[in-house]
Structure formats: C-alpha cells, structure tokens
Amino acid sequence: LYLTGVQLEVGQATPFEHLSYGETEKLCQRYYYKQADGSEDDSQSVGVAFMESSSVVVCCIDLPTTMRASPSNVSSSVTNGFLFYRNGASDTFTDLYIANSHPNIFTFFNHTQVSGTAGQAGSIKLNDSATSFIAVDAEL
C-alpha cells in the first residue's frame, strides 16, 4: 500500500496544504534553532561579541524567526570549543551561559575563561571542534 498527499483533520475538511521547504524550516525554527554547528564547519562564526568587563564576554544573536517562547541555551561543553577573537588577541573557552532571551533574540556570555579590556569588540567562533555547537530551544 502506497499513500501520498493525505491530510487528516477533525471537523470540516480544508484544502491540502503544500508548504515550501523554507516555510517548513521557519515553522521548525520556532521550536529549535542552531546558530553554529561544528559538524558542518568547525571554525564558523557564531556572532559579534564584546567585553562587558575585563572578564565577561557577551554576544547577542537575532533569531531568524519568532520562537514560540523565550528560548533556553543548548550548547556543547567541548573543552576550548569556542574562541573569542578581538584586537589581535584571542581566548578559548568551554561554556556559554544564556543571559537574556526573548522569542526574537538571545544573549549569552562567558565569565570564567576570558580576559581582556572592557569595551573591546570581536567575534566568537567555533574553535576547530566538530562537536561544538550553539543552539536555542523553545520547547514548552
């Protein structure tokens, strides 16, 4: 038995929905969004960041679609899996912590493994680890 194009509904039948891959992806990103994935590119950029103080680096990420709730952080804990590069210097670090989140944006930080000058800007990248990633989850 081979069936395709079937839609089951309670109540009144509606026309069959044909969603594009882009529309389906946006609907899925309401629940889970992966900003960077080391299994795809182990040195990709996560986002622009700045030193909030001499020991705290902060990064804000705009989400591509509005999530269904304020997301929580889901990131790898790979030893030195992340790199903050700024002003000719860099720090590697292991953990990211979510500071604030909203269905359209999230902010994360590290306050234990970085040092620099408050106000310096730079970028956070994955640090050559196929298992490093950063994502957010909005499952209720």
N, C-alpha and C. Protein backbone atom coordinates (compact mmCIF):
# COMPACT_ATOMS: atom_id res chain seq x y z
N LEU A 1 0.85 -1.17 0.00
CA LEU A 1 0.00 0.00 0.00
C LEU A 1 0.89 1.24 0.00
N TYR A 2 0.64 2.18 -0.90
CA TYR A 2 1.42 3.40 -1.01
C TYR A 2 0.45 4.58 -1.04
N LEU A 3 0.54 5.45 -0.04
CA LEU A 3 -0.33 6.63 0.04
C LEU A 3 0.53 7.88 0.03
N THR A 4 0.04 8.93 -0.60
CA THR A 4 0.71 10.22 -0.57
C THR A 4 -0.34 11.32 -0.69
N GLY A 5 -0.02 12.48 -0.16
CA GLY A 5 -0.93 13.61 -0.25
C GLY A 5 -2.18 13.45 0.59
N VAL A 6 -2.08 12.79 1.75
CA VAL A 6 -3.23 12.57 2.62
C VAL A 6 -3.14 13.54 3.80
N GLN A 7 -4.27 14.11 4.14
CA GLN A 7 -4.34 15.03 5.27
C GLN A 7 -5.56 14.67 6.10
N LEU A 8 -5.37 14.37 7.39
CA LEU A 8 -6.46 14.02 8.28
C LEU A 8 -6.75 15.20 9.19
N GLU A 9 -8.03 15.53 9.34
CA GLU A 9 -8.43 16.65 10.18
C GLU A 9 -9.69 16.31 10.94
N VAL A 10 -9.84 16.94 12.10
CA VAL A 10 -11.07 16.81 12.87
C VAL A 10 -12.01 17.91 12.39
N GLY A 11 -13.28 17.57 12.18
CA GLY A 11 -14.26 18.58 11.78
C GLY A 11 -14.29 18.80 10.28
N GLN A 12 -14.44 20.04 9.88
CA GLN A 12 -14.58 20.42 8.48
C GLN A 12 -13.26 20.25 7.72
N ALA A 13 -13.30 19.62 6.57
CA ALA A 13 -12.11 19.43 5.74
C ALA A 13 -11.68 20.75 5.11
N THR A 14 -10.37 20.95 5.02
CA THR A 14 -9.80 22.13 4.38
C THR A 14 -8.92 21.69 3.23
N PRO A 15 -8.59 22.58 2.31
CA PRO A 15 -7.71 22.20 1.20
C PRO A 15 -6.34 21.72 1.71
N PHE A 16 -5.71 20.83 0.98
CA PHE A 16 -4.40 20.28 1.34
C PHE A 16 -3.37 21.40 1.34
N GLU A 17 -2.54 21.43 2.37
CA GLU A 17 -1.51 22.46 2.48
C GLU A 17 -0.21 21.98 1.84
N HIS A 18 0.32 22.77 0.93
CA HIS A 18 1.62 22.49 0.31
C HIS A 18 2.56 23.60 0.77
N LEU A 19 3.41 23.31 1.75
CA LEU A 19 4.34 24.30 2.26
C LEU A 19 5.71 24.11 1.61
N SER A 20 6.36 25.23 1.31
CA SER A 20 7.70 25.15 0.74
C SER A 20 8.68 24.70 1.83
N TYR A 21 9.88 24.30 1.43
CA TYR A 21 10.89 23.92 2.41
C TYR A 21 11.24 25.10 3.32
N GLY A 22 11.29 26.30 2.76
CA GLY A 22 11.58 27.48 3.56
C GLY A 22 10.52 27.74 4.62
N GLU A 23 9.25 27.60 4.24
CA GLU A 23 8.17 27.79 5.21
C GLU A 23 8.22 26.72 6.31
N THR A 24 8.49 25.49 5.91
CA THR A 24 8.59 24.40 6.88
C THR A 24 9.76 24.64 7.83
N GLU A 25 10.90 25.11 7.30
CA GLU A 25 12.06 25.39 8.13
C GLU A 25 11.73 26.48 9.15
N LYS A 26 11.06 27.55 8.74
CA LYS A 26 10.69 28.63 9.66
C LYS A 26 9.77 28.11 10.77
N LEU A 27 8.83 27.24 10.42
CA LEU A 27 7.95 26.67 11.43
C LEU A 27 8.73 25.82 12.44
N CYS A 28 9.71 25.08 11.96
CA CYS A 28 10.55 24.26 12.85
C CYS A 28 11.42 25.13 13.74
N GLN A 29 11.92 26.26 13.19
CA GLN A 29 12.80 27.14 13.95
C GLN A 29 12.06 27.85 15.08
N ARG A 30 10.76 27.76 15.13
CA ARG A 30 10.02 28.29 16.27
C ARG A 30 10.29 27.48 17.53
N TYR A 31 10.73 26.23 17.35
CA TYR A 31 10.98 25.32 18.47
C TYR A 31 12.47 25.16 18.78
N TYR A 32 13.32 25.18 17.75
CA TYR A 32 14.74 24.90 17.93
C TYR A 32 15.51 25.61 16.81
N TYR A 33 16.61 26.28 17.19
CA TYR A 33 17.43 26.94 16.18
C TYR A 33 18.90 26.73 16.52
N LYS A 34 19.66 26.27 15.56
CA LYS A 34 21.09 26.07 15.76
C LYS A 34 21.83 27.18 15.03
N GLN A 35 22.54 28.03 15.80
CA GLN A 35 23.28 29.16 15.25
C GLN A 35 24.57 28.72 14.57
N ALA A 36 25.27 27.78 15.16
CA ALA A 36 26.54 27.31 14.60
C ALA A 36 26.70 25.83 14.94
N ASP A 37 27.25 25.07 14.00
CA ASP A 37 27.38 23.64 14.17
C ASP A 37 28.74 23.19 13.64
N GLY A 38 29.59 22.73 14.54
CA GLY A 38 30.94 22.31 14.17
C GLY A 38 30.97 21.11 13.24
N SER A 39 29.91 20.31 13.22
CA SER A 39 29.90 19.17 12.30
C SER A 39 29.76 19.63 10.85
N GLU A 40 29.29 20.86 10.64
CA GLU A 40 29.19 21.42 9.29
C GLU A 40 30.43 22.23 8.92
N ASP A 41 30.92 23.02 9.87
CA ASP A 41 32.11 23.85 9.67
C ASP A 41 32.68 24.13 11.05
N ASP A 42 33.83 23.56 11.36
CA ASP A 42 34.34 23.62 12.72
C ASP A 42 35.05 24.93 13.08
N SER A 43 35.01 25.92 12.21
CA SER A 43 35.57 27.23 12.56
C SER A 43 34.63 28.36 12.18
N GLN A 44 33.33 28.06 12.07
CA GLN A 44 32.39 29.09 11.66
C GLN A 44 32.12 30.11 12.75
N SER A 45 31.73 31.29 12.33
CA SER A 45 31.44 32.38 13.25
C SER A 45 30.10 32.15 13.93
N VAL A 46 30.07 32.42 15.23
CA VAL A 46 28.83 32.35 16.00
C VAL A 46 28.17 33.72 15.99
N GLY A 47 28.95 34.78 16.22
CA GLY A 47 28.39 36.12 16.23
C GLY A 47 29.39 37.16 16.72
N VAL A 48 28.98 38.41 16.63
CA VAL A 48 29.78 39.53 17.10
C VAL A 48 29.61 39.64 18.61
N ALA A 49 30.70 39.91 19.32
CA ALA A 49 30.67 39.95 20.78
C ALA A 49 31.49 41.14 21.29
N PHE A 50 31.37 41.40 22.58
CA PHE A 50 32.15 42.48 23.19
C PHE A 50 32.49 42.10 24.63
N MET A 51 33.55 42.70 25.11
CA MET A 51 33.95 42.52 26.51
C MET A 51 33.12 43.49 27.35
N GLU A 52 32.23 42.96 28.16
CA GLU A 52 31.41 43.79 29.03
C GLU A 52 32.23 44.31 30.22
N SER A 53 33.15 43.49 30.66
CA SER A 53 34.10 43.87 31.71
C SER A 53 35.41 43.16 31.37
N SER A 54 36.36 43.20 32.25
CA SER A 54 37.65 42.56 31.94
C SER A 54 37.58 41.03 31.95
N SER A 55 36.46 40.47 32.42
CA SER A 55 36.36 39.01 32.47
C SER A 55 35.03 38.45 31.95
N VAL A 56 34.22 39.28 31.28
CA VAL A 56 32.93 38.82 30.76
C VAL A 56 32.80 39.19 29.29
N VAL A 57 32.61 38.18 28.44
CA VAL A 57 32.34 38.42 27.03
C VAL A 57 30.86 38.13 26.78
N VAL A 58 30.21 39.01 25.99
CA VAL A 58 28.77 38.93 25.75
C VAL A 58 28.53 38.92 24.25
N CYS A 59 27.57 38.11 23.81
CA CYS A 59 27.19 38.03 22.39
C CYS A 59 25.66 37.99 22.28
N CYS A 60 25.10 38.79 21.38
CA CYS A 60 23.66 38.80 21.14
C CYS A 60 23.39 38.23 19.75
N ILE A 61 22.40 37.39 19.65
CA ILE A 61 22.04 36.75 18.38
C ILE A 61 20.58 37.05 18.05
N ASP A 62 20.33 37.64 16.89
CA ASP A 62 18.97 37.80 16.40
C ASP A 62 18.53 36.47 15.82
N LEU A 63 17.34 36.04 16.19
CA LEU A 63 16.82 34.78 15.68
C LEU A 63 16.14 34.99 14.34
N PRO A 64 16.19 34.00 13.44
CA PRO A 64 15.64 34.18 12.10
C PRO A 64 14.12 34.20 12.05
N THR A 65 13.48 33.72 13.10
CA THR A 65 12.02 33.74 13.18
C THR A 65 11.64 33.85 14.65
N THR A 66 10.44 34.30 14.93
CA THR A 66 9.99 34.42 16.30
C THR A 66 9.73 33.02 16.86
N MET A 67 10.42 32.70 17.96
CA MET A 67 10.23 31.40 18.60
C MET A 67 8.93 31.42 19.39
N ARG A 68 8.43 30.27 19.76
CA ARG A 68 7.14 30.19 20.43
C ARG A 68 7.21 30.61 21.90
N ALA A 69 8.40 30.71 22.45
CA ALA A 69 8.62 31.17 23.83
C ALA A 69 10.05 31.67 23.92
N SER A 70 10.39 32.28 25.03
CA SER A 70 11.79 32.70 25.24
C SER A 70 12.64 31.43 25.30
N PRO A 71 13.66 31.36 24.46
CA PRO A 71 14.43 30.11 24.37
C PRO A 71 15.43 29.93 25.51
N SER A 72 15.79 28.68 25.71
CA SER A 72 16.87 28.36 26.64
C SER A 72 18.08 27.92 25.82
N ASN A 73 19.24 28.03 26.41
CA ASN A 73 20.50 27.73 25.74
C ASN A 73 20.74 26.22 25.68
N VAL A 74 21.18 25.77 24.54
CA VAL A 74 21.63 24.40 24.38
C VAL A 74 22.96 24.50 23.65
N SER A 75 24.07 24.31 24.36
CA SER A 75 25.37 24.39 23.70
C SER A 75 26.25 23.25 24.17
N SER A 76 27.26 22.99 23.38
CA SER A 76 28.20 21.94 23.74
C SER A 76 29.11 22.41 24.86
N SER A 77 29.69 21.48 25.56
CA SER A 77 30.70 21.78 26.57
C SER A 77 31.99 21.08 26.16
N VAL A 78 32.48 21.44 25.00
CA VAL A 78 33.72 20.87 24.50
C VAL A 78 34.86 21.72 25.02
N THR A 79 35.85 21.11 25.62
CA THR A 79 36.98 21.87 26.16
C THR A 79 37.57 22.77 25.08
N ASN A 80 37.60 24.07 25.37
CA ASN A 80 38.10 25.09 24.43
C ASN A 80 37.39 25.03 23.08
N GLY A 81 36.10 24.72 23.10
CA GLY A 81 35.32 24.59 21.86
C GLY A 81 34.94 25.91 21.22
N PHE A 82 35.13 27.03 21.93
CA PHE A 82 34.79 28.35 21.41
C PHE A 82 36.00 29.26 21.49
N LEU A 83 36.02 30.28 20.63
CA LEU A 83 37.13 31.23 20.56
C LEU A 83 36.56 32.63 20.47
N PHE A 84 37.01 33.53 21.35
CA PHE A 84 36.68 34.94 21.25
C PHE A 84 37.91 35.64 20.70
N TYR A 85 37.79 36.19 19.50
CA TYR A 85 38.90 36.84 18.83
C TYR A 85 38.63 38.33 18.76
N ARG A 86 39.60 39.13 19.26
CA ARG A 86 39.45 40.58 19.21
C ARG A 86 40.81 41.26 19.28
N ASN A 87 40.94 42.33 18.57
CA ASN A 87 42.09 43.24 18.66
C ASN A 87 43.44 42.51 18.66
N GLY A 88 43.58 41.52 17.80
CA GLY A 88 44.84 40.80 17.70
C GLY A 88 45.08 39.77 18.78
N ALA A 89 44.13 39.56 19.66
CA ALA A 89 44.27 38.57 20.74
C ALA A 89 43.07 37.63 20.71
N SER A 90 43.17 36.54 21.41
CA SER A 90 42.04 35.61 21.48
C SER A 90 42.06 34.83 22.78
N ASP A 91 40.89 34.36 23.18
CA ASP A 91 40.73 33.48 24.33
C ASP A 91 39.88 32.30 23.89
N THR A 92 40.27 31.11 24.30
CA THR A 92 39.41 29.96 24.09
C THR A 92 38.63 29.72 25.37
N PHE A 93 37.43 29.18 25.21
CA PHE A 93 36.62 28.86 26.39
C PHE A 93 35.70 27.70 26.08
N THR A 94 35.14 27.14 27.12
CA THR A 94 34.39 25.90 27.02
C THR A 94 32.88 26.11 27.07
N ASP A 95 32.40 26.95 27.96
CA ASP A 95 30.97 27.05 28.22
C ASP A 95 30.39 28.40 27.84
N LEU A 96 29.13 28.37 27.41
CA LEU A 96 28.34 29.56 27.15
C LEU A 96 27.12 29.51 28.07
N TYR A 97 26.77 30.64 28.62
CA TYR A 97 25.63 30.72 29.51
C TYR A 97 24.63 31.72 28.94
N ILE A 98 23.35 31.40 28.97
CA ILE A 98 22.35 32.32 28.45
C ILE A 98 22.12 33.41 29.50
N ALA A 99 22.13 34.66 29.05
CA ALA A 99 21.93 35.80 29.94
C ALA A 99 20.48 36.25 29.88
N ASN A 100 20.02 36.54 28.71
CA ASN A 100 18.66 37.01 28.49
C ASN A 100 18.15 36.35 27.22
N SER A 101 16.87 36.14 27.18
CA SER A 101 16.30 35.63 25.94
C SER A 101 14.90 36.21 25.76
N HIS A 102 14.53 36.26 24.53
CA HIS A 102 13.24 36.76 24.09
C HIS A 102 12.92 35.93 22.85
N PRO A 103 11.67 35.78 22.48
CA PRO A 103 11.38 34.97 21.29
C PRO A 103 12.07 35.43 20.00
N ASN A 104 12.65 36.65 19.97
CA ASN A 104 13.32 37.15 18.77
C ASN A 104 14.84 37.28 18.91
N ILE A 105 15.37 37.15 20.11
CA ILE A 105 16.80 37.37 20.34
C ILE A 105 17.24 36.62 21.59
N PHE A 106 18.52 36.24 21.61
CA PHE A 106 19.08 35.71 22.86
C PHE A 106 20.48 36.25 23.05
N THR A 107 20.87 36.37 24.30
CA THR A 107 22.18 36.87 24.69
C THR A 107 22.86 35.82 25.54
N PHE A 108 24.11 35.52 25.20
CA PHE A 108 24.86 34.57 26.01
C PHE A 108 26.21 35.17 26.39
N PHE A 109 26.86 34.56 27.38
CA PHE A 109 28.11 35.11 27.89
C PHE A 109 29.01 34.00 28.43
N ASN A 110 30.27 34.36 28.65
CA ASN A 110 31.20 33.54 29.41
C ASN A 110 31.89 34.47 30.38
N HIS A 111 31.99 34.07 31.63
CA HIS A 111 32.58 34.91 32.67
C HIS A 111 33.67 34.19 33.46
N THR A 112 34.13 33.08 32.96
CA THR A 112 35.12 32.32 33.72
C THR A 112 36.42 32.05 32.97
N GLN A 113 36.44 32.19 31.66
CA GLN A 113 37.61 31.77 30.89
C GLN A 113 38.14 32.82 29.93
N VAL A 114 37.68 34.05 30.03
CA VAL A 114 38.14 35.10 29.12
C VAL A 114 38.70 36.26 29.92
N SER A 115 39.59 37.01 29.30
CA SER A 115 40.08 38.22 29.93
C SER A 115 40.45 39.21 28.83
N GLY A 116 40.22 40.46 29.09
CA GLY A 116 40.51 41.48 28.10
C GLY A 116 40.19 42.85 28.65
N THR A 117 40.00 43.79 27.76
CA THR A 117 39.69 45.16 28.14
C THR A 117 38.22 45.43 27.91
N ALA A 118 37.54 45.93 28.92
CA ALA A 118 36.12 46.26 28.78
C ALA A 118 35.92 47.16 27.57
N GLY A 119 34.92 46.86 26.77
CA GLY A 119 34.60 47.64 25.59
C GLY A 119 35.18 47.10 24.30
N GLN A 120 36.16 46.20 24.37
CA GLN A 120 36.71 45.62 23.14
C GLN A 120 35.65 44.76 22.46
N ALA A 121 35.58 44.88 21.14
CA ALA A 121 34.64 44.08 20.36
C ALA A 121 35.41 43.05 19.55
N GLY A 122 34.74 42.00 19.18
CA GLY A 122 35.36 40.95 18.38
C GLY A 122 34.31 39.96 17.93
N SER A 123 34.73 38.76 17.65
CA SER A 123 33.78 37.74 17.22
C SER A 123 34.01 36.44 17.98
N ILE A 124 32.93 35.72 18.16
CA ILE A 124 33.01 34.38 18.74
C ILE A 124 32.90 33.39 17.60
N LYS A 125 33.79 32.43 17.60
CA LYS A 125 33.82 31.39 16.57
C LYS A 125 33.89 30.03 17.24
N LEU A 126 33.52 29.01 16.48
CA LEU A 126 33.79 27.66 16.93
C LEU A 126 35.28 27.45 16.79
N ASN A 127 35.86 26.70 17.69
CA ASN A 127 37.31 26.56 17.74
C ASN A 127 37.75 25.17 17.27
N ASP A 128 37.64 24.93 15.98
CA ASP A 128 38.14 23.70 15.36
C ASP A 128 37.68 22.44 16.07
N SER A 129 36.42 22.36 16.39
CA SER A 129 35.87 21.16 17.02
C SER A 129 34.60 20.75 16.28
N ALA A 130 34.60 19.57 15.75
CA ALA A 130 33.44 19.07 15.02
C ALA A 130 32.24 18.84 15.93
N THR A 131 32.45 18.85 17.25
CA THR A 131 31.34 18.62 18.16
C THR A 131 30.86 19.88 18.86
N SER A 132 31.46 21.03 18.57
CA SER A 132 31.00 22.30 19.16
C SER A 132 29.76 22.79 18.43
N PHE A 133 28.84 23.35 19.17
CA PHE A 133 27.66 23.97 18.56
C PHE A 133 27.03 24.92 19.57
N ILE A 134 26.19 25.81 19.06
CA ILE A 134 25.36 26.64 19.92
C ILE A 134 23.98 26.69 19.31
N ALA A 135 22.98 26.48 20.15
CA ALA A 135 21.60 26.43 19.70
C ALA A 135 20.71 26.91 20.82
N VAL A 136 19.46 27.20 20.49
CA VAL A 136 18.46 27.54 21.49
C VAL A 136 17.22 26.67 21.27
N ASP A 137 16.53 26.42 22.37
CA ASP A 137 15.38 25.52 22.38
C ASP A 137 14.20 26.24 23.01
N ALA A 138 13.05 26.20 22.36
CA ALA A 138 11.85 26.84 22.89
C ALA A 138 10.72 25.84 23.08
N GLU A 139 11.06 24.62 23.38
CA GLU A 139 10.02 23.63 23.71
C GLU A 139 9.35 24.05 25.01
N LEU A 140 8.06 23.89 25.06
CA LEU A 140 7.34 24.26 26.29
C LEU A 140 7.24 23.08 27.23
